[in-house]
Amino acid sequence: MTVTPNAVVPELTSGTVLGFDFGAKRIGVAVGEHQLKLAHPLLTIDAEDSERRFAAIDRLVAEWRPAHLVLGLPLAVDGSEHEMTKRARRFARQLHARYRLDVKFVDERYSSTAAEESLRSQHVDLRNNKNLIDAAAAQIILQEYFDGA
């Protein structure tokens, strides 16, 4: 396809999307539909080793059949990249290679803080429900993607 400067490049605007809040110990996952533009927390993958992480993601991709994936990109407060940014970009490359799906990035600064505040406002005991924070952060990341799409 040749793209001219004034051409409109079609963006994916239909289908299911899985969103991820990547962490060293846990990965929060959310799901949404392009047409509805609404994200929902799904689950948290509580595994540090890649084999268990990808086994869980394999099941999610098989079940939800996403059109593409969204990944929160961890950045420093000033917007600069750091070690977790590199790890998230590596994870994105692994997702793309494994599932042959596009991976879109969303700035995830403050998503976990916003998730904690939201859960606290719902009177969720976060001491005993840490995994809920990651799934809620993934929901926030995916919703930001939909709001900007």
C-alpha atoms as a PDB file:
ATOM      1  CA  MET A   1       0.000   0.000   0.000  1.00  0.00           C
ATOM      2  CA  THR A   2       1.310   3.426  -0.892  1.00  0.00           C
ATOM      3  CA  VAL A   3       0.540   6.163   1.577  1.00  0.00           C
ATOM      4  CA  THR A   4       0.420   9.737   0.326  1.00  0.00           C
ATOM      5  CA  PRO A   5       0.743  12.670   2.752  1.00  0.00           C
ATOM      6  CA  ASN A   6      -3.006  13.368   2.687  1.00  0.00           C
ATOM      7  CA  ALA A   7      -4.121   9.748   2.742  1.00  0.00           C
ATOM      8  CA  VAL A   8      -6.165   8.449   5.653  1.00  0.00           C
ATOM      9  CA  VAL A   9      -4.642   5.235   6.950  1.00  0.00           C
ATOM     10  CA  PRO A  10      -7.370   2.952   8.309  1.00  0.00           C
ATOM     11  CA  GLU A  11      -7.042   2.280  12.033  1.00  0.00           C
ATOM     12  CA  LEU A  12      -8.348  -0.891  13.617  1.00  0.00           C
ATOM     13  CA  THR A  13     -11.818   0.108  14.794  1.00  0.00           C
ATOM     14  CA  SER A  14     -13.534  -3.190  15.419  1.00  0.00           C
ATOM     15  CA  GLY A  15     -12.891  -6.323  17.390  1.00  0.00           C
ATOM     16  CA  THR A  16     -11.856  -7.276  20.858  1.00  0.00           C
ATOM     17  CA  VAL A  17      -8.728  -5.789  22.425  1.00  0.00           C
ATOM     18  CA  LEU A  18      -6.702  -7.100  25.349  1.00  0.00           C
ATOM     19  CA  GLY A  19      -4.878  -4.535  27.476  1.00  0.00           C
ATOM     20  CA  PHE A  20      -1.893  -5.253  29.710  1.00  0.00           C
ATOM     21  CA  ASP A  21      -0.359  -3.562  32.740  1.00  0.00           C
ATOM     22  CA  PHE A  22       3.119  -5.097  32.677  1.00  0.00           C
ATOM     23  CA  GLY A  23       5.002  -5.645  35.922  1.00  0.00           C
ATOM     24  CA  ALA A  24       8.001  -7.637  37.085  1.00  0.00           C
ATOM     25  CA  LYS A  25       5.861  -9.867  39.319  1.00  0.00           C
ATOM     26  CA  ARG A  26       2.337  -9.516  37.941  1.00  0.00           C
ATOM     27  CA  ILE A  27       0.590  -8.560  34.711  1.00  0.00           C
ATOM     28  CA  GLY A  28      -2.856  -7.015  34.880  1.00  0.00           C
ATOM     29  CA  VAL A  29      -5.180  -7.803  31.990  1.00  0.00           C
ATOM     30  CA  ALA A  30      -8.264  -5.992  30.747  1.00  0.00           C
ATOM     31  CA  VAL A  31     -10.590  -6.613  27.826  1.00  0.00           C
ATOM     32  CA  GLY A  32     -12.672  -4.332  25.683  1.00  0.00           C
ATOM     33  CA  GLU A  33     -14.413  -3.984  22.358  1.00  0.00           C
ATOM     34  CA  HIS A  34     -13.544  -1.280  19.845  1.00  0.00           C
ATOM     35  CA  GLN A  35     -17.134  -0.560  18.895  1.00  0.00           C
ATOM     36  CA  LEU A  36     -18.232  -0.063  22.508  1.00  0.00           C
ATOM     37  CA  LYS A  37     -14.987   1.702  23.510  1.00  0.00           C
ATOM     38  CA  LEU A  38     -15.347   0.348  27.020  1.00  0.00           C
ATOM     39  CA  ALA A  39     -12.652  -1.533  28.968  1.00  0.00           C
ATOM     40  CA  HIS A  40     -13.257  -4.046  31.764  1.00  0.00           C
ATOM     41  CA  PRO A  41     -10.738  -5.528  34.219  1.00  0.00           C
ATOM     42  CA  LEU A  42     -10.269  -9.202  33.486  1.00  0.00           C
ATOM     43  CA  LEU A  43      -7.615 -10.798  35.704  1.00  0.00           C
ATOM     44  CA  THR A  44      -4.073 -10.622  36.983  1.00  0.00           C
ATOM     45  CA  ILE A  45      -1.391 -13.062  35.919  1.00  0.00           C
ATOM     46  CA  ASP A  46       0.586 -13.652  39.102  1.00  0.00           C
ATOM     47  CA  ALA A  47       3.747 -15.271  37.765  1.00  0.00           C
ATOM     48  CA  GLU A  48       7.317 -14.088  37.396  1.00  0.00           C
ATOM     49  CA  ASP A  49       8.519 -16.744  34.959  1.00  0.00           C
ATOM     50  CA  SER A  50       7.868 -16.268  31.245  1.00  0.00           C
ATOM     51  CA  GLU A  51       6.607 -19.807  30.675  1.00  0.00           C
ATOM     52  CA  ARG A  52       3.699 -19.436  33.106  1.00  0.00           C
ATOM     53  CA  ARG A  53       2.974 -15.883  31.956  1.00  0.00           C
ATOM     54  CA  PHE A  54       2.760 -16.843  28.315  1.00  0.00           C
ATOM     55  CA  ALA A  55       0.739 -19.988  29.060  1.00  0.00           C
ATOM     56  CA  ALA A  56      -1.876 -17.734  30.681  1.00  0.00           C
ATOM     57  CA  ILE A  57      -1.724 -15.239  27.805  1.00  0.00           C
ATOM     58  CA  ASP A  58      -2.003 -18.111  25.296  1.00  0.00           C
ATOM     59  CA  ARG A  59      -5.322 -19.073  26.906  1.00  0.00           C
ATOM     60  CA  LEU A  60      -6.570 -15.477  26.864  1.00  0.00           C
ATOM     61  CA  VAL A  61      -5.660 -14.949  23.207  1.00  0.00           C
ATOM     62  CA  ALA A  62      -7.331 -18.242  22.255  1.00  0.00           C
ATOM     63  CA  GLU A  63     -10.479 -17.349  24.202  1.00  0.00           C
ATOM     64  CA  TRP A  64     -10.864 -13.664  23.284  1.00  0.00           C
ATOM     65  CA  ARG A  65      -9.269 -13.665  19.796  1.00  0.00           C
ATOM     66  CA  PRO A  66      -8.191 -10.031  19.987  1.00  0.00           C
ATOM     67  CA  ALA A  67      -7.754  -7.826  16.937  1.00  0.00           C
ATOM     68  CA  HIS A  68      -4.665  -6.346  18.602  1.00  0.00           C
ATOM     69  CA  LEU A  69      -3.113  -5.728  22.002  1.00  0.00           C
ATOM     70  CA  VAL A  70      -2.512  -2.626  24.127  1.00  0.00           C
ATOM     71  CA  LEU A  71       0.369  -2.364  26.576  1.00  0.00           C
ATOM     72  CA  GLY A  72       0.992   0.270  29.205  1.00  0.00           C
ATOM     73  CA  LEU A  73       4.390   1.855  28.717  1.00  0.00           C
ATOM     74  CA  PRO A  74       6.021   2.684  32.055  1.00  0.00           C
ATOM     75  CA  LEU A  75       7.746   6.058  31.932  1.00  0.00           C
ATOM     76  CA  ALA A  76       9.369   8.250  34.553  1.00  0.00           C
ATOM     77  CA  VAL A  77       7.406  11.252  35.832  1.00  0.00           C
ATOM     78  CA  ASP A  78       9.305  13.484  33.379  1.00  0.00           C
ATOM     79  CA  GLY A  79       8.425  11.157  30.462  1.00  0.00           C
ATOM     80  CA  SER A  80      11.877   9.622  30.139  1.00  0.00           C
ATOM     81  CA  GLU A  81      12.440   5.910  29.749  1.00  0.00           C
ATOM     82  CA  HIS A  82      13.979   3.674  32.407  1.00  0.00           C
ATOM     83  CA  GLU A  83      14.646  -0.019  33.045  1.00  0.00           C
ATOM     84  CA  MET A  84      10.958  -1.033  33.253  1.00  0.00           C
ATOM     85  CA  THR A  85      10.318   0.786  29.967  1.00  0.00           C
ATOM     86  CA  LYS A  86      12.927  -1.429  28.311  1.00  0.00           C
ATOM     87  CA  ARG A  87      11.385  -4.535  29.871  1.00  0.00           C
ATOM     88  CA  ALA A  88       7.905  -3.526  28.700  1.00  0.00           C
ATOM     89  CA  ARG A  89       9.168  -2.907  25.146  1.00  0.00           C
ATOM     90  CA  ARG A  90      10.794  -6.359  25.212  1.00  0.00           C
ATOM     91  CA  PHE A  91       7.503  -7.861  26.407  1.00  0.00           C
ATOM     92  CA  ALA A  92       5.715  -6.078  23.532  1.00  0.00           C
ATOM     93  CA  ARG A  93       8.159  -7.586  21.017  1.00  0.00           C
ATOM     94  CA  GLN A  94       7.536 -11.025  22.531  1.00  0.00           C
ATOM     95  CA  LEU A  95       3.762 -10.558  22.304  1.00  0.00           C
ATOM     96  CA  HIS A  96       4.004  -9.466  18.683  1.00  0.00           C
ATOM     97  CA  ALA A  97       6.312 -12.337  17.712  1.00  0.00           C
ATOM     98  CA  ARG A  98       4.245 -14.963  19.501  1.00  0.00           C
ATOM     99  CA  TYR A  99       0.732 -13.913  18.444  1.00  0.00           C
ATOM    100  CA  ARG A 100       1.399 -11.902  15.269  1.00  0.00           C
ATOM    101  CA  LEU A 101      -0.773  -9.103  16.625  1.00  0.00           C
ATOM    102  CA  ASP A 102      -0.032  -5.405  16.649  1.00  0.00           C
ATOM    103  CA  VAL A 103       0.844  -4.035  20.068  1.00  0.00           C
ATOM    104  CA  LYS A 104      -0.098  -0.420  20.772  1.00  0.00           C
ATOM    105  CA  PHE A 105       1.515   1.511  23.627  1.00  0.00           C
ATOM    106  CA  VAL A 106      -0.236   3.806  26.088  1.00  0.00           C
ATOM    107  CA  ASP A 107       1.570   5.993  28.606  1.00  0.00           C
ATOM    108  CA  GLU A 108       0.782   4.285  31.892  1.00  0.00           C
ATOM    109  CA  ARG A 109       2.075   6.907  34.314  1.00  0.00           C
ATOM    110  CA  TYR A 110      -0.164   6.986  37.396  1.00  0.00           C
ATOM    111  CA  SER A 111      -2.425   4.131  36.194  1.00  0.00           C
ATOM    112  CA  SER A 112      -1.718   2.026  39.300  1.00  0.00           C
ATOM    113  CA  THR A 113      -2.303   5.019  41.576  1.00  0.00           C
ATOM    114  CA  ALA A 114      -5.583   5.771  39.806  1.00  0.00           C
ATOM    115  CA  ALA A 115      -6.564   2.100  40.081  1.00  0.00           C
ATOM    116  CA  GLU A 116      -5.856   2.087  43.827  1.00  0.00           C
ATOM    117  CA  GLU A 117      -7.889   5.260  44.331  1.00  0.00           C
ATOM    118  CA  SER A 118     -10.798   3.837  42.343  1.00  0.00           C
ATOM    119  CA  LEU A 119     -10.780   0.577  44.296  1.00  0.00           C
ATOM    120  CA  ARG A 120     -10.532   2.408  47.631  1.00  0.00           C
ATOM    121  CA  SER A 121     -13.542   4.523  46.668  1.00  0.00           C
ATOM    122  CA  GLN A 122     -15.393   1.220  46.212  1.00  0.00           C
ATOM    123  CA  HIS A 123     -14.286   0.171  49.721  1.00  0.00           C
ATOM    124  CA  VAL A 124     -12.076  -2.657  48.461  1.00  0.00           C
ATOM    125  CA  ASP A 125      -9.552  -3.908  51.039  1.00  0.00           C
ATOM    126  CA  LEU A 126      -6.342  -3.580  49.033  1.00  0.00           C
ATOM    127  CA  ARG A 127      -4.193  -5.377  51.608  1.00  0.00           C
ATOM    128  CA  ASN A 128      -5.882  -8.662  50.708  1.00  0.00           C
ATOM    129  CA  ASN A 129      -6.625  -7.893  47.043  1.00  0.00           C
ATOM    130  CA  LYS A 130      -3.360  -6.668  45.477  1.00  0.00           C
ATOM    131  CA  ASN A 131      -4.162  -8.513  42.232  1.00  0.00           C
ATOM    132  CA  LEU A 132      -7.211  -6.322  41.721  1.00  0.00           C
ATOM    133  CA  ILE A 133      -4.961  -3.272  41.406  1.00  0.00           C
ATOM    134  CA  ASP A 134      -3.144  -4.697  38.380  1.00  0.00           C
ATOM    135  CA  ALA A 135      -6.328  -5.661  36.535  1.00  0.00           C
ATOM    136  CA  ALA A 136      -7.848  -2.247  37.329  1.00  0.00           C
ATOM    137  CA  ALA A 137      -4.662  -0.529  36.076  1.00  0.00           C
ATOM    138  CA  ALA A 138      -4.927  -2.557  32.847  1.00  0.00           C
ATOM    139  CA  GLN A 139      -8.527  -1.362  32.543  1.00  0.00           C
ATOM    140  CA  ILE A 140      -7.401   2.264  32.916  1.00  0.00           C
ATOM    141  CA  ILE A 141      -4.669   1.771  30.288  1.00  0.00           C
ATOM    142  CA  LEU A 142      -7.085   0.155  27.841  1.00  0.00           C
ATOM    143  CA  GLN A 143      -9.747   2.795  28.473  1.00  0.00           C
ATOM    144  CA  GLU A 144      -7.184   5.540  27.774  1.00  0.00           C
ATOM    145  CA  TYR A 145      -6.439   3.804  24.475  1.00  0.00           C
ATOM    146  CA  PHE A 146     -10.138   3.702  23.551  1.00  0.00           C
ATOM    147  CA  ASP A 147     -10.641   7.314  24.600  1.00  0.00           C
ATOM    148  CA  GLY A 148      -7.785   8.371  22.334  1.00  0.00           C
ATOM    149  CA  ALA A 149      -8.683   6.093  19.413  1.00  0.00           C
END
